[in-house]
Amino acid sequence: MLSKEKIARINELASRAKTTGLTNKEAEEQKQLRAEYVKTFRASFKQQLHSVKIVDEKGQEVTPKKLKDSKKANKGIQH
């Protein structure tokens, strides 16, 4: 998870980009922060998906093979 300070900085830069514009240095910082945010979000979302188990109305597991394979490949890996 991204720190509150980094999220606040992302929001500050986004707001300033809409109003006064950003310097080249600030635009680069914004790009890096957004990339870090997206990377963290994707890792978190993938972790959530790996905790999903799909069960039909008969109580039988019907989790897609692709998800099962992904779970096995990432078993024990910390994000």
PDB file of N, CA and C in Angstrom:
ATOM      1  N   MET A   1       0.833  -1.176   0.000  1.00  0.00           N
ATOM      2  CA  MET A   1       0.000   0.000   0.000  1.00  0.00           C
ATOM      3  C   MET A   1       0.877   1.240   0.000  1.00  0.00           C
ATOM      4  N   LEU A   2       0.457   2.232  -0.751  1.00  0.00           N
ATOM      5  CA  LEU A   2       1.188   3.485  -0.830  1.00  0.00           C
ATOM      6  C   LEU A   2       0.939   4.309   0.435  1.00  0.00           C
ATOM      7  N   SER A   3       1.940   5.038   0.855  1.00  0.00           N
ATOM      8  CA  SER A   3       1.797   5.856   2.059  1.00  0.00           C
ATOM      9  C   SER A   3       0.820   7.003   1.820  1.00  0.00           C
ATOM     10  N   LYS A   4       0.261   7.500   2.897  1.00  0.00           N
ATOM     11  CA  LYS A   4      -0.679   8.618   2.804  1.00  0.00           C
ATOM     12  C   LYS A   4      -0.003   9.847   2.197  1.00  0.00           C
ATOM     13  N   GLU A   5       1.276  10.015   2.499  1.00  0.00           N
ATOM     14  CA  GLU A   5       2.017  11.159   1.970  1.00  0.00           C
ATOM     15  C   GLU A   5       2.132  11.079   0.450  1.00  0.00           C
ATOM     16  N   LYS A   6       2.408   9.893  -0.065  1.00  0.00           N
ATOM     17  CA  LYS A   6       2.539   9.741  -1.516  1.00  0.00           C
ATOM     18  C   LYS A   6       1.197   9.938  -2.216  1.00  0.00           C
ATOM     19  N   ILE A   7       0.142   9.422  -1.632  1.00  0.00           N
ATOM     20  CA  ILE A   7      -1.191   9.604  -2.218  1.00  0.00           C
ATOM     21  C   ILE A   7      -1.568  11.086  -2.201  1.00  0.00           C
ATOM     22  N   ALA A   8      -1.258  11.759  -1.100  1.00  0.00           N
ATOM     23  CA  ALA A   8      -1.529  13.197  -1.015  1.00  0.00           C
ATOM     24  C   ALA A   8      -0.733  13.950  -2.078  1.00  0.00           C
ATOM     25  N   ARG A   9       0.501  13.538  -2.302  1.00  0.00           N
ATOM     26  CA  ARG A   9       1.345  14.195  -3.316  1.00  0.00           C
ATOM     27  C   ARG A   9       0.787  13.955  -4.719  1.00  0.00           C
ATOM     28  N   ILE A  10       0.322  12.745  -4.989  1.00  0.00           N
ATOM     29  CA  ILE A  10      -0.298  12.442  -6.284  1.00  0.00           C
ATOM     30  C   ILE A  10      -1.486  13.372  -6.504  1.00  0.00           C
ATOM     31  N   ASN A  11      -2.330  13.500  -5.494  1.00  0.00           N
ATOM     32  CA  ASN A  11      -3.508  14.368  -5.598  1.00  0.00           C
ATOM     33  C   ASN A  11      -3.132  15.837  -5.755  1.00  0.00           C
ATOM     34  N   GLU A  12      -2.110  16.250  -5.039  1.00  0.00           N
ATOM     35  CA  GLU A  12      -1.646  17.635  -5.137  1.00  0.00           C
ATOM     36  C   GLU A  12      -1.147  17.937  -6.554  1.00  0.00           C
ATOM     37  N   LEU A  13      -0.353  17.033  -7.098  1.00  0.00           N
ATOM     38  CA  LEU A  13       0.175  17.238  -8.452  1.00  0.00           C
ATOM     39  C   LEU A  13      -0.944  17.208  -9.497  1.00  0.00           C
ATOM     40  N   ALA A  14      -1.905  16.325  -9.315  1.00  0.00           N
ATOM     41  CA  ALA A  14      -3.029  16.244 -10.251  1.00  0.00           C
ATOM     42  C   ALA A  14      -3.834  17.538 -10.232  1.00  0.00           C
ATOM     43  N   SER A  15      -4.067  18.052  -9.038  1.00  0.00           N
ATOM     44  CA  SER A  15      -4.817  19.298  -8.899  1.00  0.00           C
ATOM     45  C   SER A  15      -4.065  20.455  -9.541  1.00  0.00           C
ATOM     46  N   ARG A  16      -2.775  20.522  -9.272  1.00  0.00           N
ATOM     47  CA  ARG A  16      -1.976  21.610  -9.828  1.00  0.00           C
ATOM     48  C   ARG A  16      -1.855  21.499 -11.345  1.00  0.00           C
ATOM     49  N   ALA A  17      -1.815  20.269 -11.854  1.00  0.00           N
ATOM     50  CA  ALA A  17      -1.731  20.079 -13.300  1.00  0.00           C
ATOM     51  C   ALA A  17      -2.965  20.646 -13.990  1.00  0.00           C
ATOM     52  N   LYS A  18      -4.118  20.565 -13.319  1.00  0.00           N
ATOM     53  CA  LYS A  18      -5.374  21.078 -13.883  1.00  0.00           C
ATOM     54  C   LYS A  18      -5.465  22.597 -13.808  1.00  0.00           C
ATOM     55  N   THR A  19      -4.795  23.189 -12.822  1.00  0.00           N
ATOM     56  CA  THR A  19      -4.929  24.627 -12.629  1.00  0.00           C
ATOM     57  C   THR A  19      -3.757  25.397 -13.225  1.00  0.00           C
ATOM     58  N   THR A  20      -2.591  25.315 -12.607  1.00  0.00           N
ATOM     59  CA  THR A  20      -1.444  26.131 -13.034  1.00  0.00           C
ATOM     60  C   THR A  20      -0.470  25.409 -13.934  1.00  0.00           C
ATOM     61  N   GLY A  21      -0.580  24.090 -14.012  1.00  0.00           N
ATOM     62  CA  GLY A  21       0.375  23.322 -14.802  1.00  0.00           C
ATOM     63  C   GLY A  21       1.547  22.867 -13.959  1.00  0.00           C
ATOM     64  N   LEU A  22       2.314  21.941 -14.502  1.00  0.00           N
ATOM     65  CA  LEU A  22       3.451  21.364 -13.778  1.00  0.00           C
ATOM     66  C   LEU A  22       4.755  21.690 -14.487  1.00  0.00           C
ATOM     67  N   THR A  23       5.806  21.780 -13.703  1.00  0.00           N
ATOM     68  CA  THR A  23       7.135  21.898 -14.290  1.00  0.00           C
ATOM     69  C   THR A  23       7.532  20.523 -14.831  1.00  0.00           C
ATOM     70  N   ASN A  24       8.590  20.478 -15.609  1.00  0.00           N
ATOM     71  CA  ASN A  24       9.070  19.194 -16.135  1.00  0.00           C
ATOM     72  C   ASN A  24       9.433  18.239 -15.010  1.00  0.00           C
ATOM     73  N   LYS A  25      10.052  18.771 -13.966  1.00  0.00           N
ATOM     74  CA  LYS A  25      10.446  17.947 -12.821  1.00  0.00           C
ATOM     75  C   LYS A  25       9.219  17.391 -12.106  1.00  0.00           C
ATOM     76  N   GLU A  26       8.200  18.226 -11.924  1.00  0.00           N
ATOM     77  CA  GLU A  26       6.971  17.781 -11.275  1.00  0.00           C
ATOM     78  C   GLU A  26       6.220  16.766 -12.137  1.00  0.00           C
ATOM     79  N   ALA A  27       6.220  16.966 -13.438  1.00  0.00           N
ATOM     80  CA  ALA A  27       5.555  16.023 -14.353  1.00  0.00           C
ATOM     81  C   ALA A  27       6.231  14.651 -14.283  1.00  0.00           C
ATOM     82  N   GLU A  28       7.542  14.652 -14.183  1.00  0.00           N
ATOM     83  CA  GLU A  28       8.280  13.385 -14.062  1.00  0.00           C
ATOM     84  C   GLU A  28       7.974  12.724 -12.717  1.00  0.00           C
ATOM     85  N   GLU A  29       7.924  13.523 -11.661  1.00  0.00           N
ATOM     86  CA  GLU A  29       7.581  12.993 -10.342  1.00  0.00           C
ATOM     87  C   GLU A  29       6.172  12.391 -10.364  1.00  0.00           C
ATOM     88  N   GLN A  30       5.231  13.083 -11.003  1.00  0.00           N
ATOM     89  CA  GLN A  30       3.860  12.599 -11.111  1.00  0.00           C
ATOM     90  C   GLN A  30       3.820  11.273 -11.859  1.00  0.00           C
ATOM     91  N   LYS A  31       4.572  11.179 -12.931  1.00  0.00           N
ATOM     92  CA  LYS A  31       4.626   9.950 -13.724  1.00  0.00           C
ATOM     93  C   LYS A  31       5.153   8.784 -12.887  1.00  0.00           C
ATOM     94  N   GLN A  32       6.198   9.022 -12.114  1.00  0.00           N
ATOM     95  CA  GLN A  32       6.789   7.974 -11.270  1.00  0.00           C
ATOM     96  C   GLN A  32       5.833   7.554 -10.155  1.00  0.00           C
ATOM     97  N   LEU A  33       5.193   8.530  -9.529  1.00  0.00           N
ATOM     98  CA  LEU A  33       4.248   8.215  -8.449  1.00  0.00           C
ATOM     99  C   LEU A  33       3.052   7.423  -8.974  1.00  0.00           C
ATOM    100  N   ARG A  34       2.555   7.807 -10.132  1.00  0.00           N
ATOM    101  CA  ARG A  34       1.428   7.081 -10.715  1.00  0.00           C
ATOM    102  C   ARG A  34       1.821   5.648 -11.064  1.00  0.00           C
ATOM    103  N   ALA A  35       3.024   5.471 -11.607  1.00  0.00           N
ATOM    104  CA  ALA A  35       3.503   4.122 -11.939  1.00  0.00           C
ATOM    105  C   ALA A  35       3.609   3.263 -10.689  1.00  0.00           C
ATOM    106  N   GLU A  36       4.114   3.849  -9.617  1.00  0.00           N
ATOM    107  CA  GLU A  36       4.222   3.126  -8.344  1.00  0.00           C
ATOM    108  C   GLU A  36       2.839   2.767  -7.811  1.00  0.00           C
ATOM    109  N   TYR A  37       1.885   3.700  -7.929  1.00  0.00           N
ATOM    110  CA  TYR A  37       0.519   3.457  -7.476  1.00  0.00           C
ATOM    111  C   TYR A  37      -0.121   2.311  -8.256  1.00  0.00           C
ATOM    112  N   VAL A  38       0.024   2.345  -9.579  1.00  0.00           N
ATOM    113  CA  VAL A  38      -0.570   1.298 -10.425  1.00  0.00           C
ATOM    114  C   VAL A  38       0.055  -0.060 -10.115  1.00  0.00           C
ATOM    115  N   LYS A  39       1.363  -0.097  -9.918  1.00  0.00           N
ATOM    116  CA  LYS A  39       2.047  -1.348  -9.584  1.00  0.00           C
ATOM    117  C   LYS A  39       1.518  -1.921  -8.269  1.00  0.00           C
ATOM    118  N   THR A  40       1.371  -1.067  -7.279  1.00  0.00           N
ATOM    119  CA  THR A  40       0.855  -1.491  -5.973  1.00  0.00           C
ATOM    120  C   THR A  40      -0.593  -1.953  -6.080  1.00  0.00           C
ATOM    121  N   PHE A  41      -1.398  -1.208  -6.844  1.00  0.00           N
ATOM    122  CA  PHE A  41      -2.802  -1.575  -7.027  1.00  0.00           C
ATOM    123  C   PHE A  41      -2.927  -2.939  -7.697  1.00  0.00           C
ATOM    124  N   ARG A  42      -2.165  -3.160  -8.750  1.00  0.00           N
ATOM    125  CA  ARG A  42      -2.232  -4.437  -9.467  1.00  0.00           C
ATOM    126  C   ARG A  42      -1.817  -5.609  -8.580  1.00  0.00           C
ATOM    127  N   ALA A  43      -0.774  -5.428  -7.790  1.00  0.00           N
ATOM    128  CA  ALA A  43      -0.324  -6.494  -6.894  1.00  0.00           C
ATOM    129  C   ALA A  43      -1.406  -6.814  -5.863  1.00  0.00           C
ATOM    130  N   SER A  44      -2.039  -5.778  -5.333  1.00  0.00           N
ATOM    131  CA  SER A  44      -3.096  -5.973  -4.349  1.00  0.00           C
ATOM    132  C   SER A  44      -4.301  -6.675  -4.975  1.00  0.00           C
ATOM    133  N   PHE A  45      -4.666  -6.255  -6.174  1.00  0.00           N
ATOM    134  CA  PHE A  45      -5.810  -6.854  -6.855  1.00  0.00           C
ATOM    135  C   PHE A  45      -5.538  -8.320  -7.196  1.00  0.00           C
ATOM    136  N   LYS A  46      -4.320  -8.603  -7.630  1.00  0.00           N
ATOM    137  CA  LYS A  46      -3.949  -9.981  -7.948  1.00  0.00           C
ATOM    138  C   LYS A  46      -4.023 -10.850  -6.700  1.00  0.00           C
ATOM    139  N   GLN A  47      -3.591 -10.312  -5.574  1.00  0.00           N
ATOM    140  CA  GLN A  47      -3.656 -11.038  -4.308  1.00  0.00           C
ATOM    141  C   GLN A  47      -5.112 -11.328  -3.939  1.00  0.00           C
ATOM    142  N   GLN A  48      -5.988 -10.360  -4.169  1.00  0.00           N
ATOM    143  CA  GLN A  48      -7.409 -10.569  -3.900  1.00  0.00           C
ATOM    144  C   GLN A  48      -7.974 -11.671  -4.792  1.00  0.00           C
ATOM    145  N   LEU A  49      -7.616 -11.649  -6.066  1.00  0.00           N
ATOM    146  CA  LEU A  49      -8.107 -12.677  -6.983  1.00  0.00           C
ATOM    147  C   LEU A  49      -7.649 -14.064  -6.563  1.00  0.00           C
ATOM    148  N   HIS A  50      -6.449 -14.159  -6.044  1.00  0.00           N
ATOM    149  CA  HIS A  50      -5.922 -15.455  -5.628  1.00  0.00           C
ATOM    150  C   HIS A  50      -6.623 -15.997  -4.385  1.00  0.00           C
ATOM    151  N   SER A  51      -7.402 -15.157  -3.720  1.00  0.00           N
ATOM    152  CA  SER A  51      -8.151 -15.644  -2.570  1.00  0.00           C
ATOM    153  C   SER A  51      -9.581 -16.052  -2.944  1.00  0.00           C
ATOM    154  N   VAL A  52      -9.920 -15.918  -4.217  1.00  0.00           N
ATOM    155  CA  VAL A  52     -11.273 -16.219  -4.683  1.00  0.00           C
ATOM    156  C   VAL A  52     -11.410 -17.707  -5.008  1.00  0.00           C
ATOM    157  N   LYS A  53     -12.537 -18.256  -4.600  1.00  0.00           N
ATOM    158  CA  LYS A  53     -12.894 -19.631  -4.952  1.00  0.00           C
ATOM    159  C   LYS A  53     -14.333 -19.571  -5.445  1.00  0.00           C
ATOM    160  N   ILE A  54     -14.573 -20.012  -6.663  1.00  0.00           N
ATOM    161  CA  ILE A  54     -15.905 -19.928  -7.254  1.00  0.00           C
ATOM    162  C   ILE A  54     -16.616 -21.262  -7.079  1.00  0.00           C
ATOM    163  N   VAL A  55     -17.840 -21.178  -6.532  1.00  0.00           N
ATOM    164  CA  VAL A  55     -18.634 -22.368  -6.253  1.00  0.00           C
ATOM    165  C   VAL A  55     -19.991 -22.194  -6.933  1.00  0.00           C
ATOM    166  N   ASP A  56     -20.456 -23.252  -7.628  1.00  0.00           N
ATOM    167  CA  ASP A  56     -21.764 -23.166  -8.277  1.00  0.00           C
ATOM    168  C   ASP A  56     -22.883 -23.430  -7.269  1.00  0.00           C
ATOM    169  N   GLU A  57     -24.127 -23.372  -7.754  1.00  0.00           N
ATOM    170  CA  GLU A  57     -25.278 -23.531  -6.865  1.00  0.00           C
ATOM    171  C   GLU A  57     -25.371 -24.914  -6.241  1.00  0.00           C
ATOM    172  N   LYS A  58     -24.658 -25.890  -6.793  1.00  0.00           N
ATOM    173  CA  LYS A  58     -24.650 -27.254  -6.241  1.00  0.00           C
ATOM    174  C   LYS A  58     -23.544 -27.441  -5.205  1.00  0.00           C
ATOM    175  N   GLY A  59     -22.752 -26.399  -5.012  1.00  0.00           N
ATOM    176  CA  GLY A  59     -21.677 -26.472  -4.035  1.00  0.00           C
ATOM    177  C   GLY A  59     -20.373 -27.016  -4.583  1.00  0.00           C
ATOM    178  N   GLN A  60     -20.296 -27.187  -5.899  1.00  0.00           N
ATOM    179  CA  GLN A  60     -19.074 -27.694  -6.515  1.00  0.00           C
ATOM    180  C   GLN A  60     -18.190 -26.533  -6.944  1.00  0.00           C
ATOM    181  N   GLU A  61     -16.898 -26.698  -6.719  1.00  0.00           N
ATOM    182  CA  GLU A  61     -15.954 -25.657  -7.109  1.00  0.00           C
ATOM    183  C   GLU A  61     -15.854 -25.596  -8.628  1.00  0.00           C
ATOM    184  N   VAL A  62     -15.973 -24.396  -9.166  1.00  0.00           N
ATOM    185  CA  VAL A  62     -15.885 -24.185 -10.611  1.00  0.00           C
ATOM    186  C   VAL A  62     -14.921 -23.044 -10.942  1.00  0.00           C
ATOM    187  N   THR A  63     -13.913 -22.893 -10.108  1.00  0.00           N
ATOM    188  CA  THR A  63     -12.915 -21.862 -10.337  1.00  0.00           C
ATOM    189  C   THR A  63     -12.236 -22.125 -11.680  1.00  0.00           C
ATOM    190  N   PRO A  64     -12.103 -21.093 -12.529  1.00  0.00           N
ATOM    191  CA  PRO A  64     -11.471 -21.290 -13.833  1.00  0.00           C
ATOM    192  C   PRO A  64     -10.042 -21.822 -13.711  1.00  0.00           C
ATOM    193  N   LYS A  65      -9.651 -22.661 -14.660  1.00  0.00           N
ATOM    194  CA  LYS A  65      -8.327 -23.277 -14.657  1.00  0.00           C
ATOM    195  C   LYS A  65      -7.225 -22.217 -14.666  1.00  0.00           C
ATOM    196  N   LYS A  66      -7.426 -21.165 -15.414  1.00  0.00           N
ATOM    197  CA  LYS A  66      -6.412 -20.116 -15.491  1.00  0.00           C
ATOM    198  C   LYS A  66      -6.138 -19.508 -14.112  1.00  0.00           C
ATOM    199  N   LEU A  67      -7.186 -19.294 -13.322  1.00  0.00           N
ATOM    200  CA  LEU A  67      -7.015 -18.751 -11.977  1.00  0.00           C
ATOM    201  C   LEU A  67      -6.339 -19.765 -11.062  1.00  0.00           C
ATOM    202  N   LYS A  68      -6.746 -21.028 -11.162  1.00  0.00           N
ATOM    203  CA  LYS A  68      -6.106 -22.072 -10.349  1.00  0.00           C
ATOM    204  C   LYS A  68      -4.613 -22.166 -10.666  1.00  0.00           C
ATOM    205  N   ASP A  69      -4.276 -22.126 -11.960  1.00  0.00           N
ATOM    206  CA  ASP A  69      -2.870 -22.202 -12.369  1.00  0.00           C
ATOM    207  C   ASP A  69      -2.079 -21.006 -11.855  1.00  0.00           C
ATOM    208  N   SER A  70      -2.702 -19.830 -11.899  1.00  0.00           N
ATOM    209  CA  SER A  70      -2.038 -18.629 -11.406  1.00  0.00           C
ATOM    210  C   SER A  70      -1.791 -18.720  -9.904  1.00  0.00           C
ATOM    211  N   LYS A  71      -2.762 -19.273  -9.176  1.00  0.00           N
ATOM    212  CA  LYS A  71      -2.596 -19.456  -7.733  1.00  0.00           C
ATOM    213  C   LYS A  71      -1.421 -20.379  -7.437  1.00  0.00           C
ATOM    214  N   LYS A  72      -1.340 -21.493  -8.181  1.00  0.00           N
ATOM    215  CA  LYS A  72      -0.253 -22.452  -7.972  1.00  0.00           C
ATOM    216  C   LYS A  72       1.096 -21.827  -8.293  1.00  0.00           C
ATOM    217  N   ALA A  73       1.164 -21.052  -9.368  1.00  0.00           N
ATOM    218  CA  ALA A  73       2.430 -20.438  -9.784  1.00  0.00           C
ATOM    219  C   ALA A  73       2.916 -19.407  -8.781  1.00  0.00           C
ATOM    220  N   ASN A  74       1.999 -18.749  -8.104  1.00  0.00           N
ATOM    221  CA  ASN A  74       2.357 -17.681  -7.171  1.00  0.00           C
ATOM    222  C   ASN A  74       2.284 -18.104  -5.711  1.00  0.00           C
ATOM    223  N   LYS A  75       2.079 -19.362  -5.465  1.00  0.00           N
ATOM    224  CA  LYS A  75       1.953 -19.848  -4.086  1.00  0.00           C
ATOM    225  C   LYS A  75       3.242 -19.539  -3.317  1.00  0.00           C
ATOM    226  N   GLY A  76       3.073 -18.893  -2.190  1.00  0.00           N
ATOM    227  CA  GLY A  76       4.228 -18.594  -1.342  1.00  0.00           C
ATOM    228  C   GLY A  76       4.971 -17.340  -1.694  1.00  0.00           C
ATOM    229  N   ILE A  77       4.595 -16.671  -2.796  1.00  0.00           N
ATOM    230  CA  ILE A  77       5.275 -15.432  -3.186  1.00  0.00           C
ATOM    231  C   ILE A  77       4.603 -14.267  -2.489  1.00  0.00           C
ATOM    232  N   GLN A  78       5.377 -13.442  -1.818  1.00  0.00           N
ATOM    233  CA  GLN A  78       4.858 -12.254  -1.144  1.00  0.00           C
ATOM    234  C   GLN A  78       4.905 -11.077  -2.112  1.00  0.00           C
ATOM    235  N   HIS A  79       3.845 -10.241  -2.116  1.00  0.00           N
ATOM    236  CA  HIS A  79       3.812  -9.055  -2.984  1.00  0.00           C
ATOM    237  C   HIS A  79       4.029  -7.831  -2.159  1.00  0.00           C
TER     238      HIS A  79
END
